[in-house]
């Protein structure tokens, strides 16, 4: 069961990192495609910036899942040994 929890946490980290990369690409593309300081560029940046923050929080939460699973496994090994 701990292995499954670790796998879920790691998958969450990978998915979050992938989402962050995509959001960063959209931000970079919006800056390169539109004129500097235009309202259109600013509005096209809102969603990817929010996605970037969302994926950052997702990675943080998934890393906590991995940390707790690791600590639990360590505790179980200490009890058995």
Protein backbone atom coordinates (compact mmCIF):
# COMPACT_ATOMS: atom_id res chain seq x y z
CA UNK A 1 0.00 0.00 0.00
CA UNK A 2 2.91 2.36 0.75
CA UNK A 3 4.40 1.65 -2.68
CA UNK A 4 1.11 2.62 -4.29
CA UNK A 5 1.06 5.87 -2.32
CA UNK A 6 4.63 6.63 -3.36
CA UNK A 7 3.75 5.94 -7.00
CA UNK A 8 0.73 8.24 -6.82
CA UNK A 9 2.84 11.00 -5.25
CA UNK A 10 5.55 10.64 -7.88
CA UNK A 11 2.98 10.67 -10.67
CA UNK A 12 1.51 13.86 -9.21
CA UNK A 13 4.95 15.47 -9.19
CA UNK A 14 5.57 14.46 -12.81
CA UNK A 15 2.15 15.69 -13.94
CA UNK A 16 2.67 18.98 -12.11
CA UNK A 17 6.10 19.51 -13.64
CA UNK A 18 4.68 18.79 -17.10
CA UNK A 19 1.88 21.31 -16.50
CA UNK A 20 4.38 23.90 -15.27
CA UNK A 21 6.47 23.44 -18.42
CA UNK A 22 3.41 23.94 -20.63
CA UNK A 23 2.31 27.03 -18.71
CA UNK A 24 5.84 28.48 -18.92
CA UNK A 25 5.86 27.89 -22.69
CA UNK A 26 2.53 29.72 -23.03
CA UNK A 27 3.89 32.64 -21.00
CA UNK A 28 7.04 32.80 -23.12
CA UNK A 29 5.03 32.54 -26.34
CA UNK A 30 2.65 35.31 -25.26
CA UNK A 31 5.59 37.59 -24.55
CA UNK A 32 7.21 36.80 -27.89
CA UNK A 33 4.05 36.99 -30.02
CA UNK A 34 2.41 40.18 -28.79
CA UNK A 35 3.66 43.74 -28.57
CA UNK A 36 5.12 44.70 -25.22
CA UNK A 37 2.65 46.15 -22.75
CA UNK A 38 -0.49 45.62 -24.79
CA UNK A 39 -3.78 44.79 -23.06
CA UNK A 40 -4.13 41.70 -25.26
CA UNK A 41 -0.77 40.34 -24.12
CA UNK A 42 -1.65 41.01 -20.48
CA UNK A 43 -4.97 39.21 -20.71
CA UNK A 44 -3.41 36.26 -22.54
CA UNK A 45 -0.91 35.89 -19.69
CA UNK A 46 -3.46 35.62 -16.88
CA UNK A 47 -4.49 32.02 -17.47
CA UNK A 48 -0.98 30.56 -17.92
CA UNK A 49 0.29 32.42 -14.85
CA UNK A 50 -2.58 31.05 -12.79
CA UNK A 51 -1.94 27.57 -14.22
CA UNK A 52 1.72 27.88 -13.29
CA UNK A 53 0.77 28.64 -9.67
CA UNK A 54 -1.79 25.83 -9.64
CA UNK A 55 0.76 23.29 -10.87
CA UNK A 56 3.32 24.60 -8.38
CA UNK A 57 0.87 23.88 -5.55
CA UNK A 58 0.13 20.48 -7.05
CA UNK A 59 3.83 19.58 -7.02
CA UNK A 60 4.14 20.80 -3.42
CA UNK A 61 1.16 18.67 -2.34
CA UNK A 62 2.43 15.61 -4.18
CA UNK A 63 5.88 16.01 -2.63
CA UNK A 64 4.22 16.03 0.80
CA UNK A 65 2.48 12.75 -0.09
CA UNK A 66 5.85 11.24 -1.01
CA UNK A 67 7.43 12.60 2.18
CA UNK A 68 4.72 11.19 4.44
CA UNK A 69 4.79 7.81 2.67
CA UNK A 70 8.58 7.72 3.06
CA UNK A 71 8.36 8.58 6.77
CA UNK A 72 5.65 5.96 7.28
CA UNK A 73 7.74 3.32 5.56
CA UNK A 74 10.73 4.29 7.70
CA UNK A 75 8.62 4.00 10.86
CA UNK A 76 7.32 0.59 9.82
CA UNK A 77 10.86 -0.63 9.13
CA UNK A 78 12.01 0.65 12.53
CA UNK A 79 9.17 -1.26 14.23
CA UNK A 80 9.90 -4.49 12.36
CA UNK A 81 13.66 -4.34 12.87
